Amino acid sequence: MRLFPRHALALLALAALTGCHSHYVAIDVRNATPSPISLLEFDYPSASFGVETLAAGATYHYRFKILGNGPTKLLWTDAAHLEHTVPGPSLSEGQEGTLTATITPSTAAWASHLKP
């Protein structure tokens, strides 16, 4: 008695070989200032995330999936209680890879390694 027809077994083997791949972006937000920053927020298409404080020299790691297309921006408050907003790269649904935002005393520098 056969449990699976041959074509069903072939489909299972093919599914196992191809696997499922979820597109996501891994971001590192680095505080390259000599003081902690507060109210750090990263806005991207359809969502945002953040932390209350990020110590001097610390890096915050996060992974997210892009749903929709649009710009990004990074917002934070420095030790002198000044609010900063720096635009980042535009993202498109389905992209994956890495982003790095390095916060300096006056701005943020972006490095992106994204593929469509």
Protein backbone atom coordinates (compact mmCIF):
# COMPACT_ATOMS: atom_id res chain seq x y z
CA MET A 1 0.00 0.00 0.00
CA ARG A 2 1.41 3.39 -1.01
CA LEU A 3 1.25 6.28 1.41
CA PHE A 4 2.15 8.98 -1.14
CA PRO A 5 1.89 9.00 -4.90
CA ARG A 6 5.21 9.65 -6.65
CA HIS A 7 4.28 13.21 -7.71
CA ALA A 8 3.36 14.18 -4.13
CA LEU A 9 6.74 12.92 -2.91
CA ALA A 10 8.50 14.90 -5.66
CA LEU A 11 6.62 18.06 -4.67
CA LEU A 12 7.60 17.60 -1.02
CA ALA A 13 11.25 17.17 -2.00
CA LEU A 14 11.12 20.29 -4.18
CA ALA A 15 9.52 22.32 -1.37
CA ALA A 16 12.21 21.19 1.05
CA LEU A 17 14.98 22.18 -1.37
CA THR A 18 13.61 25.62 -2.20
CA GLY A 19 12.53 26.47 1.33
CA CYS A 20 10.72 29.56 2.45
CA HIS A 21 12.52 32.89 2.47
CA SER A 22 11.25 35.89 4.39
CA HIS A 23 12.64 39.25 3.29
CA TYR A 24 13.73 41.45 6.18
CA VAL A 25 16.06 44.33 6.93
CA ALA A 26 18.48 44.21 9.86
CA ILE A 27 19.33 47.66 11.21
CA ASP A 28 22.01 48.78 13.65
CA VAL A 29 21.59 52.21 15.23
CA ARG A 30 24.90 53.30 16.77
CA ASN A 31 25.29 56.10 19.28
CA ALA A 32 28.69 57.57 18.39
CA THR A 33 28.24 60.50 20.78
CA PRO A 34 29.93 60.90 24.17
CA SER A 35 26.55 60.99 25.97
CA PRO A 36 23.43 58.85 26.11
CA ILE A 37 20.56 59.75 23.81
CA SER A 38 16.89 59.36 24.61
CA LEU A 39 13.60 58.79 22.82
CA LEU A 40 15.23 57.12 19.83
CA GLU A 41 12.71 56.34 17.07
CA PHE A 42 13.11 54.89 13.57
CA ASP A 43 10.19 55.42 11.18
CA TYR A 44 9.86 53.28 8.05
CA PRO A 45 7.00 52.51 5.63
CA SER A 46 3.93 51.41 7.61
CA ALA A 47 5.58 51.23 11.08
CA SER A 48 8.19 52.45 13.55
CA PHE A 49 10.21 51.22 16.52
CA GLY A 50 12.42 52.75 19.15
CA VAL A 51 13.97 52.70 22.60
CA GLU A 52 13.86 55.07 25.55
CA THR A 53 17.63 55.45 25.90
CA LEU A 54 20.76 54.39 24.07
CA ALA A 55 24.02 54.66 26.01
CA ALA A 56 27.08 56.42 24.61
CA GLY A 57 28.91 54.02 22.29
CA ALA A 58 26.05 51.49 22.32
CA THR A 59 24.35 49.87 19.31
CA TYR A 60 20.68 48.98 19.04
CA HIS A 61 19.88 46.00 16.76
CA TYR A 62 16.48 45.44 15.18
CA ARG A 63 14.95 43.42 12.33
CA PHE A 64 11.87 44.40 10.38
CA LYS A 65 9.92 43.53 7.27
CA ILE A 66 9.08 46.29 4.81
CA LEU A 67 5.37 46.55 4.03
CA GLY A 68 4.83 49.30 1.50
CA ASN A 69 7.18 51.85 -0.02
CA GLY A 70 8.46 55.13 1.30
CA PRO A 71 11.00 57.18 3.19
CA THR A 72 12.64 56.50 6.53
CA LYS A 73 13.78 58.85 9.26
CA LEU A 74 15.58 58.69 12.56
CA LEU A 75 14.54 60.85 15.51
CA TRP A 76 16.24 61.26 18.89
CA THR A 77 16.83 63.67 21.75
CA ASP A 78 20.43 64.42 22.71
CA ALA A 79 21.91 65.02 26.18
CA ALA A 80 21.23 68.80 25.84
CA HIS A 81 17.53 67.95 25.25
CA LEU A 82 17.67 69.02 21.59
CA GLU A 83 15.48 67.02 19.22
CA HIS A 84 17.00 65.73 15.97
CA THR A 85 15.32 64.34 12.85
CA VAL A 86 17.45 62.97 10.01
CA PRO A 87 15.94 61.51 6.84
CA GLY A 88 17.18 58.09 5.78
CA PRO A 89 16.96 55.99 2.65
CA SER A 90 13.69 55.22 0.90
CA LEU A 91 12.63 51.59 1.17
CA SER A 92 10.55 49.37 -1.09
CA GLU A 93 8.52 46.34 -0.18
CA GLY A 94 10.48 43.14 -0.76
CA GLN A 95 13.91 44.65 -0.14
CA GLU A 96 16.26 42.89 2.23
CA GLY A 97 19.72 43.45 3.64
CA THR A 98 21.25 45.73 6.24
CA LEU A 99 21.09 49.36 7.30
CA THR A 100 23.37 51.18 9.70
CA ALA A 101 22.60 54.58 11.19
CA THR A 102 25.46 56.17 13.12
CA ILE A 103 24.38 59.03 15.34
CA THR A 104 26.96 61.79 15.77
CA PRO A 105 26.65 64.91 17.96
CA SER A 106 24.92 66.85 15.16
CA THR A 107 23.44 64.38 12.64
CA ALA A 108 23.24 60.73 11.56
CA ALA A 109 25.15 58.99 8.79
CA TRP A 110 23.55 56.12 6.87
CA ALA A 111 25.07 53.02 5.28
CA SER A 112 22.74 50.75 3.36
CA HIS A 113 23.34 47.36 1.82
CA LEU A 114 19.92 46.49 0.46
CA LYS A 115 18.92 44.40 -2.50
CA PRO A 116 15.57 44.35 -4.27
